[in-house]
């Protein structure tokens, strides 16, 4: 089965479930805790107010009204350059738990209500356009990197959970993309919410046909 046909079959199955059944469980955060964490994790050393000298984007660009998944996409874009910058300085990569990420996202004014409902067809287009299946697999179609994107995953359940996974693994993924000759994907606008909406729904759709290794 071709990848395009496989994706089309997944979308048909998803339609039977309905978008409402795949809405995420939101992990609300505390903006005041997030403000303290922004300083504790030394984010404020690079992200300073506009007009001051800082290594990263000014705090005003990070902290503004935005969707939660929109912010997750912006963090995804930012991680590789930040990782390289900290590595050059000999600074350890900051670790974040799920509650900490939720607090940081609240401080950065991310609000789930600002994200649109996921468009699964656009999510399919993004999956193909970003060349995700050159490294990863979806329903055992695609690259060898595990786990399969259609497996049930807790990190699909909220933007904060997904952002924590991305924060932890994106530096390695960027290195892998370089080895595979695949441009590191960048996300803008509602692209991340559409992609994760597709993957969340695919993970809730029962697999079609015999399982791998059975007859």
C-alpha atoms as a PDB file:
ATOM      1  CA  UNK A   1       0.000   0.000   0.000  1.00  0.00           C
ATOM      2  CA  UNK A   2       1.346   3.443  -0.893  1.00  0.00           C
ATOM      3  CA  UNK A   3       1.813   6.032   1.832  1.00  0.00           C
ATOM      4  CA  UNK A   4      -0.769   8.356   0.267  1.00  0.00           C
ATOM      5  CA  UNK A   5      -3.384   5.575   0.116  1.00  0.00           C
ATOM      6  CA  UNK A   6      -2.615   4.564   3.691  1.00  0.00           C
ATOM      7  CA  UNK A   7      -3.112   8.147   4.880  1.00  0.00           C
ATOM      8  CA  UNK A   8      -6.382   8.422   2.980  1.00  0.00           C
ATOM      9  CA  UNK A   9      -7.670   5.244   4.697  1.00  0.00           C
ATOM     10  CA  UNK A  10      -6.698   6.649   8.091  1.00  0.00           C
ATOM     11  CA  UNK A  11      -8.647   9.846   7.375  1.00  0.00           C
ATOM     12  CA  UNK A  12     -11.747   7.811   6.455  1.00  0.00           C
ATOM     13  CA  UNK A  13     -11.507   5.930   9.748  1.00  0.00           C
ATOM     14  CA  UNK A  14     -10.988   9.152  11.665  1.00  0.00           C
ATOM     15  CA  UNK A  15     -14.111  10.634  10.117  1.00  0.00           C
ATOM     16  CA  UNK A  16     -16.154   7.814  11.638  1.00  0.00           C
ATOM     17  CA  UNK A  17     -14.834   8.669  15.103  1.00  0.00           C
ATOM     18  CA  UNK A  18     -15.478  12.402  14.841  1.00  0.00           C
ATOM     19  CA  UNK A  19     -13.345  15.354  15.810  1.00  0.00           C
ATOM     20  CA  UNK A  20     -15.075  15.833  19.135  1.00  0.00           C
ATOM     21  CA  UNK A  21     -13.819  12.473  20.439  1.00  0.00           C
ATOM     22  CA  UNK A  22     -10.215  13.461  19.898  1.00  0.00           C
ATOM     23  CA  UNK A  23     -10.100  16.775  21.721  1.00  0.00           C
ATOM     24  CA  UNK A  24      -7.015  17.035  23.963  1.00  0.00           C
ATOM     25  CA  UNK A  25      -6.945  16.977  27.730  1.00  0.00           C
ATOM     26  CA  UNK A  26      -5.611  20.410  28.625  1.00  0.00           C
ATOM     27  CA  UNK A  27      -2.922  20.842  31.253  1.00  0.00           C
ATOM     28  CA  UNK A  28      -3.559  24.279  32.768  1.00  0.00           C
ATOM     29  CA  UNK A  29      -0.580  26.159  34.145  1.00  0.00           C
ATOM     30  CA  UNK A  30       0.082  28.951  36.634  1.00  0.00           C
ATOM     31  CA  UNK A  31       1.518  32.087  34.980  1.00  0.00           C
ATOM     32  CA  UNK A  32       3.126  33.293  38.229  1.00  0.00           C
ATOM     33  CA  UNK A  33       4.921  29.975  38.648  1.00  0.00           C
ATOM     34  CA  UNK A  34       5.917  30.270  35.004  1.00  0.00           C
ATOM     35  CA  UNK A  35       7.353  33.737  35.584  1.00  0.00           C
ATOM     36  CA  UNK A  36       9.500  32.411  38.457  1.00  0.00           C
ATOM     37  CA  UNK A  37      10.530  29.400  36.388  1.00  0.00           C
ATOM     38  CA  UNK A  38      11.581  31.636  33.490  1.00  0.00           C
ATOM     39  CA  UNK A  39      14.163  33.144  35.803  1.00  0.00           C
ATOM     40  CA  UNK A  40      15.079  29.925  37.622  1.00  0.00           C
ATOM     41  CA  UNK A  41      15.859  28.134  34.338  1.00  0.00           C
ATOM     42  CA  UNK A  42      17.889  31.194  33.242  1.00  0.00           C
ATOM     43  CA  UNK A  43      15.666  31.850  30.216  1.00  0.00           C
ATOM     44  CA  UNK A  44      15.880  35.554  31.065  1.00  0.00           C
ATOM     45  CA  UNK A  45      19.624  35.575  30.379  1.00  0.00           C
ATOM     46  CA  UNK A  46      19.040  35.266  26.626  1.00  0.00           C
ATOM     47  CA  UNK A  47      15.461  36.529  26.300  1.00  0.00           C
ATOM     48  CA  UNK A  48      15.651  40.092  27.573  1.00  0.00           C
ATOM     49  CA  UNK A  49      13.329  43.072  26.963  1.00  0.00           C
ATOM     50  CA  UNK A  50      13.448  44.611  23.494  1.00  0.00           C
ATOM     51  CA  UNK A  51      16.241  47.166  23.186  1.00  0.00           C
ATOM     52  CA  UNK A  52      18.607  45.265  25.473  1.00  0.00           C
ATOM     53  CA  UNK A  53      21.407  42.999  24.251  1.00  0.00           C
ATOM     54  CA  UNK A  54      20.313  39.357  24.328  1.00  0.00           C
ATOM     55  CA  UNK A  55      21.304  36.166  22.529  1.00  0.00           C
ATOM     56  CA  UNK A  56      17.738  35.102  21.781  1.00  0.00           C
ATOM     57  CA  UNK A  57      14.494  36.699  20.629  1.00  0.00           C
ATOM     58  CA  UNK A  58      13.290  39.440  23.012  1.00  0.00           C
ATOM     59  CA  UNK A  59      10.830  38.427  25.686  1.00  0.00           C
ATOM     60  CA  UNK A  60       8.078  40.437  23.969  1.00  0.00           C
ATOM     61  CA  UNK A  61       8.255  38.080  20.972  1.00  0.00           C
ATOM     62  CA  UNK A  62       7.889  35.038  23.208  1.00  0.00           C
ATOM     63  CA  UNK A  63       5.324  36.427  25.617  1.00  0.00           C
ATOM     64  CA  UNK A  64       2.249  37.447  23.673  1.00  0.00           C
ATOM     65  CA  UNK A  65      -1.305  36.147  23.160  1.00  0.00           C
ATOM     66  CA  UNK A  66      -1.025  32.904  21.149  1.00  0.00           C
ATOM     67  CA  UNK A  67      -2.386  29.386  20.888  1.00  0.00           C
ATOM     68  CA  UNK A  68      -0.859  26.599  22.950  1.00  0.00           C
ATOM     69  CA  UNK A  69      -0.021  24.457  19.927  1.00  0.00           C
ATOM     70  CA  UNK A  70       1.145  27.573  18.103  1.00  0.00           C
ATOM     71  CA  UNK A  71       3.644  28.136  20.924  1.00  0.00           C
ATOM     72  CA  UNK A  72       4.662  24.471  20.833  1.00  0.00           C
ATOM     73  CA  UNK A  73       5.482  24.949  17.144  1.00  0.00           C
ATOM     74  CA  UNK A  74       7.512  28.075  17.869  1.00  0.00           C
ATOM     75  CA  UNK A  75       9.446  26.231  20.594  1.00  0.00           C
ATOM     76  CA  UNK A  76      10.102  23.383  18.135  1.00  0.00           C
ATOM     77  CA  UNK A  77      11.583  25.877  15.665  1.00  0.00           C
ATOM     78  CA  UNK A  78      13.719  27.489  18.359  1.00  0.00           C
ATOM     79  CA  UNK A  79      15.197  24.400  20.061  1.00  0.00           C
ATOM     80  CA  UNK A  80      17.990  23.422  17.610  1.00  0.00           C
ATOM     81  CA  UNK A  81      19.582  26.897  17.547  1.00  0.00           C
ATOM     82  CA  UNK A  82      19.200  27.242  21.309  1.00  0.00           C
ATOM     83  CA  UNK A  83      20.746  23.810  21.893  1.00  0.00           C
ATOM     84  CA  UNK A  84      23.740  24.685  19.707  1.00  0.00           C
ATOM     85  CA  UNK A  85      24.181  28.042  21.457  1.00  0.00           C
ATOM     86  CA  UNK A  86      24.135  26.494  24.932  1.00  0.00           C
ATOM     87  CA  UNK A  87      26.481  23.696  23.852  1.00  0.00           C
ATOM     88  CA  UNK A  88      29.040  26.250  22.628  1.00  0.00           C
ATOM     89  CA  UNK A  89      28.810  28.016  25.994  1.00  0.00           C
ATOM     90  CA  UNK A  90      29.074  24.746  27.906  1.00  0.00           C
ATOM     91  CA  UNK A  91      25.669  25.286  29.502  1.00  0.00           C
ATOM     92  CA  UNK A  92      23.577  22.238  30.356  1.00  0.00           C
ATOM     93  CA  UNK A  93      20.288  21.869  28.492  1.00  0.00           C
ATOM     94  CA  UNK A  94      17.458  22.893  30.877  1.00  0.00           C
ATOM     95  CA  UNK A  95      15.142  20.057  31.797  1.00  0.00           C
ATOM     96  CA  UNK A  96      11.405  20.683  32.065  1.00  0.00           C
ATOM     97  CA  UNK A  97       8.645  18.572  33.583  1.00  0.00           C
ATOM     98  CA  UNK A  98       5.055  18.613  32.340  1.00  0.00           C
ATOM     99  CA  UNK A  99       3.814  20.930  35.141  1.00  0.00           C
ATOM    100  CA  UNK A 100       6.773  23.253  34.543  1.00  0.00           C
ATOM    101  CA  UNK A 101       6.074  23.412  30.816  1.00  0.00           C
ATOM    102  CA  UNK A 102       2.393  24.120  31.494  1.00  0.00           C
ATOM    103  CA  UNK A 103       3.385  26.974  33.834  1.00  0.00           C
ATOM    104  CA  UNK A 104       5.850  28.421  31.307  1.00  0.00           C
ATOM    105  CA  UNK A 105       3.248  28.286  28.544  1.00  0.00           C
ATOM    106  CA  UNK A 106       0.757  30.077  30.796  1.00  0.00           C
ATOM    107  CA  UNK A 107       3.347  32.775  31.563  1.00  0.00           C
ATOM    108  CA  UNK A 108       4.019  33.171  27.822  1.00  0.00           C
ATOM    109  CA  UNK A 109       0.281  33.815  27.384  1.00  0.00           C
ATOM    110  CA  UNK A 110      -0.496  30.635  25.466  1.00  0.00           C
ATOM    111  CA  UNK A 111      -4.201  29.815  25.473  1.00  0.00           C
ATOM    112  CA  UNK A 112      -5.764  26.679  24.003  1.00  0.00           C
ATOM    113  CA  UNK A 113      -8.818  28.707  22.983  1.00  0.00           C
ATOM    114  CA  UNK A 114      -6.646  30.590  20.472  1.00  0.00           C
ATOM    115  CA  UNK A 115      -5.804  27.392  18.589  1.00  0.00           C
ATOM    116  CA  UNK A 116      -8.279  26.475  15.836  1.00  0.00           C
ATOM    117  CA  UNK A 117      -9.886  23.052  15.685  1.00  0.00           C
ATOM    118  CA  UNK A 118      -7.498  20.680  13.892  1.00  0.00           C
ATOM    119  CA  UNK A 119      -7.967  20.254  10.158  1.00  0.00           C
ATOM    120  CA  UNK A 120      -7.087  16.610   9.535  1.00  0.00           C
ATOM    121  CA  UNK A 121      -6.680  16.988   5.781  1.00  0.00           C
ATOM    122  CA  UNK A 122      -4.198  19.821   6.305  1.00  0.00           C
ATOM    123  CA  UNK A 123      -2.498  17.665   8.924  1.00  0.00           C
ATOM    124  CA  UNK A 124      -2.036  14.979   6.272  1.00  0.00           C
ATOM    125  CA  UNK A 125      -0.564  17.523   3.867  1.00  0.00           C
ATOM    126  CA  UNK A 126       1.830  18.775   6.551  1.00  0.00           C
ATOM    127  CA  UNK A 127       2.918  15.216   7.386  1.00  0.00           C
ATOM    128  CA  UNK A 128       3.890  14.713   3.736  1.00  0.00           C
ATOM    129  CA  UNK A 129       5.284  18.194   3.106  1.00  0.00           C
ATOM    130  CA  UNK A 130       7.528  18.140   6.193  1.00  0.00           C
ATOM    131  CA  UNK A 131       8.830  14.705   5.138  1.00  0.00           C
ATOM    132  CA  UNK A 132       8.081  13.245   8.582  1.00  0.00           C
ATOM    133  CA  UNK A 133       7.799   9.719   7.160  1.00  0.00           C
ATOM    134  CA  UNK A 134      11.383   9.710   5.913  1.00  0.00           C
ATOM    135  CA  UNK A 135      12.417   9.092   9.523  1.00  0.00           C
ATOM    136  CA  UNK A 136       9.227   8.030  11.320  1.00  0.00           C
ATOM    137  CA  UNK A 137       6.516   5.519  10.471  1.00  0.00           C
ATOM    138  CA  UNK A 138       2.741   5.851  10.595  1.00  0.00           C
ATOM    139  CA  UNK A 139       0.877   2.543  10.728  1.00  0.00           C
ATOM    140  CA  UNK A 140       4.163   0.771   9.893  1.00  0.00           C
ATOM    141  CA  UNK A 141       4.550   2.814   6.693  1.00  0.00           C
ATOM    142  CA  UNK A 142       7.586   5.085   6.443  1.00  0.00           C
ATOM    143  CA  UNK A 143      10.965   5.295   8.136  1.00  0.00           C
ATOM    144  CA  UNK A 144      12.507   3.089  10.846  1.00  0.00           C
ATOM    145  CA  UNK A 145      12.508   5.515  13.791  1.00  0.00           C
ATOM    146  CA  UNK A 146      10.382   4.249  16.694  1.00  0.00           C
ATOM    147  CA  UNK A 147       7.827   4.564  18.082  1.00  0.00           C
ATOM    148  CA  UNK A 148       5.283   4.521  15.280  1.00  0.00           C
ATOM    149  CA  UNK A 149       3.468   7.888  15.153  1.00  0.00           C
ATOM    150  CA  UNK A 150       0.070   6.152  15.233  1.00  0.00           C
ATOM    151  CA  UNK A 151       0.748   4.478  18.587  1.00  0.00           C
ATOM    152  CA  UNK A 152      -1.274   5.745  21.518  1.00  0.00           C
ATOM    153  CA  UNK A 153       0.834   8.407  23.214  1.00  0.00           C
ATOM    154  CA  UNK A 154       0.226  10.518  26.283  1.00  0.00           C
ATOM    155  CA  UNK A 155       2.185  13.380  24.735  1.00  0.00           C
ATOM    156  CA  UNK A 156      -0.575  13.908  22.151  1.00  0.00           C
ATOM    157  CA  UNK A 157      -3.053  14.698  24.925  1.00  0.00           C
ATOM    158  CA  UNK A 158      -2.118  18.343  25.525  1.00  0.00           C
ATOM    159  CA  UNK A 159       0.076  21.027  24.012  1.00  0.00           C
ATOM    160  CA  UNK A 160       2.186  21.100  27.198  1.00  0.00           C
ATOM    161  CA  UNK A 161       2.754  17.329  27.067  1.00  0.00           C
ATOM    162  CA  UNK A 162       3.755  17.538  23.410  1.00  0.00           C
ATOM    163  CA  UNK A 163       6.024  20.527  24.103  1.00  0.00           C
ATOM    164  CA  UNK A 164       7.844  18.586  26.860  1.00  0.00           C
ATOM    165  CA  UNK A 165       8.500  15.685  24.489  1.00  0.00           C
ATOM    166  CA  UNK A 166       9.646  18.079  21.775  1.00  0.00           C
ATOM    167  CA  UNK A 167      11.877  19.975  24.241  1.00  0.00           C
ATOM    168  CA  UNK A 168      13.541  16.726  25.317  1.00  0.00           C
ATOM    169  CA  UNK A 169      14.021  15.057  21.948  1.00  0.00           C
ATOM    170  CA  UNK A 170      14.194  17.769  19.275  1.00  0.00           C
ATOM    171  CA  UNK A 171      17.997  18.335  19.523  1.00  0.00           C
ATOM    172  CA  UNK A 172      18.537  14.656  18.688  1.00  0.00           C
ATOM    173  CA  UNK A 173      15.875  14.785  15.974  1.00  0.00           C
ATOM    174  CA  UNK A 174      17.563  17.784  14.347  1.00  0.00           C
ATOM    175  CA  UNK A 175      20.836  15.851  14.259  1.00  0.00           C
ATOM    176  CA  UNK A 176      19.058  12.836  12.778  1.00  0.00           C
ATOM    177  CA  UNK A 177      17.417  14.980  10.091  1.00  0.00           C
ATOM    178  CA  UNK A 178      20.850  16.253   9.083  1.00  0.00           C
ATOM    179  CA  UNK A 179      22.155  12.688   8.771  1.00  0.00           C
ATOM    180  CA  UNK A 180      19.114  11.714   6.677  1.00  0.00           C
ATOM    181  CA  UNK A 181      19.549  14.726   4.394  1.00  0.00           C
ATOM    182  CA  UNK A 182      16.084  15.995   5.373  1.00  0.00           C
ATOM    183  CA  UNK A 183      15.611  19.703   6.118  1.00  0.00           C
ATOM    184  CA  UNK A 184      14.636  20.218   9.751  1.00  0.00           C
ATOM    185  CA  UNK A 185      10.896  21.011   9.592  1.00  0.00           C
ATOM    186  CA  UNK A 186       9.660  24.403  10.745  1.00  0.00           C
ATOM    187  CA  UNK A 187       6.104  25.106  11.839  1.00  0.00           C
ATOM    188  CA  UNK A 188       4.060  28.280  11.515  1.00  0.00           C
ATOM    189  CA  UNK A 189       0.523  29.340  12.373  1.00  0.00           C
ATOM    190  CA  UNK A 190      -1.843  26.389  12.791  1.00  0.00           C
ATOM    191  CA  UNK A 191       0.470  23.778  11.224  1.00  0.00           C
ATOM    192  CA  UNK A 192       1.367  22.129  14.542  1.00  0.00           C
ATOM    193  CA  UNK A 193      -2.234  21.904  15.752  1.00  0.00           C
ATOM    194  CA  UNK A 194      -3.247  20.290  12.439  1.00  0.00           C
ATOM    195  CA  UNK A 195      -0.384  17.791  12.490  1.00  0.00           C
ATOM    196  CA  UNK A 196      -0.913  16.736  16.103  1.00  0.00           C
ATOM    197  CA  UNK A 197      -4.655  16.615  15.495  1.00  0.00           C
ATOM    198  CA  UNK A 198      -4.033  14.103  12.700  1.00  0.00           C
ATOM    199  CA  UNK A 199      -1.637  12.007  14.778  1.00  0.00           C
ATOM    200  CA  UNK A 200      -3.923  12.077  17.827  1.00  0.00           C
ATOM    201  CA  UNK A 201      -6.839  10.895  15.735  1.00  0.00           C
ATOM    202  CA  UNK A 202      -4.755   8.252  13.943  1.00  0.00           C
ATOM    203  CA  UNK A 203      -3.646   6.871  17.291  1.00  0.00           C
ATOM    204  CA  UNK A 204      -7.302   6.496  18.316  1.00  0.00           C
ATOM    205  CA  UNK A 205      -8.271   4.678  15.088  1.00  0.00           C
ATOM    206  CA  UNK A 206      -8.118   0.847  15.278  1.00  0.00           C
ATOM    207  CA  UNK A 207      -5.506  -0.532  12.848  1.00  0.00           C
ATOM    208  CA  UNK A 208      -6.816  -2.014   9.608  1.00  0.00           C
ATOM    209  CA  UNK A 209      -5.814  -5.460   8.374  1.00  0.00           C
ATOM    210  CA  UNK A 210      -3.627  -8.067  10.098  1.00  0.00           C
ATOM    211  CA  UNK A 211      -1.106  -6.915  12.638  1.00  0.00           C
ATOM    212  CA  UNK A 212       2.575  -7.114  11.828  1.00  0.00           C
ATOM    213  CA  UNK A 213       3.925 -10.642  12.183  1.00  0.00           C
ATOM    214  CA  UNK A 214       0.501 -12.359  11.829  1.00  0.00           C
ATOM    215  CA  UNK A 215      -1.139 -14.144   8.944  1.00  0.00           C
END
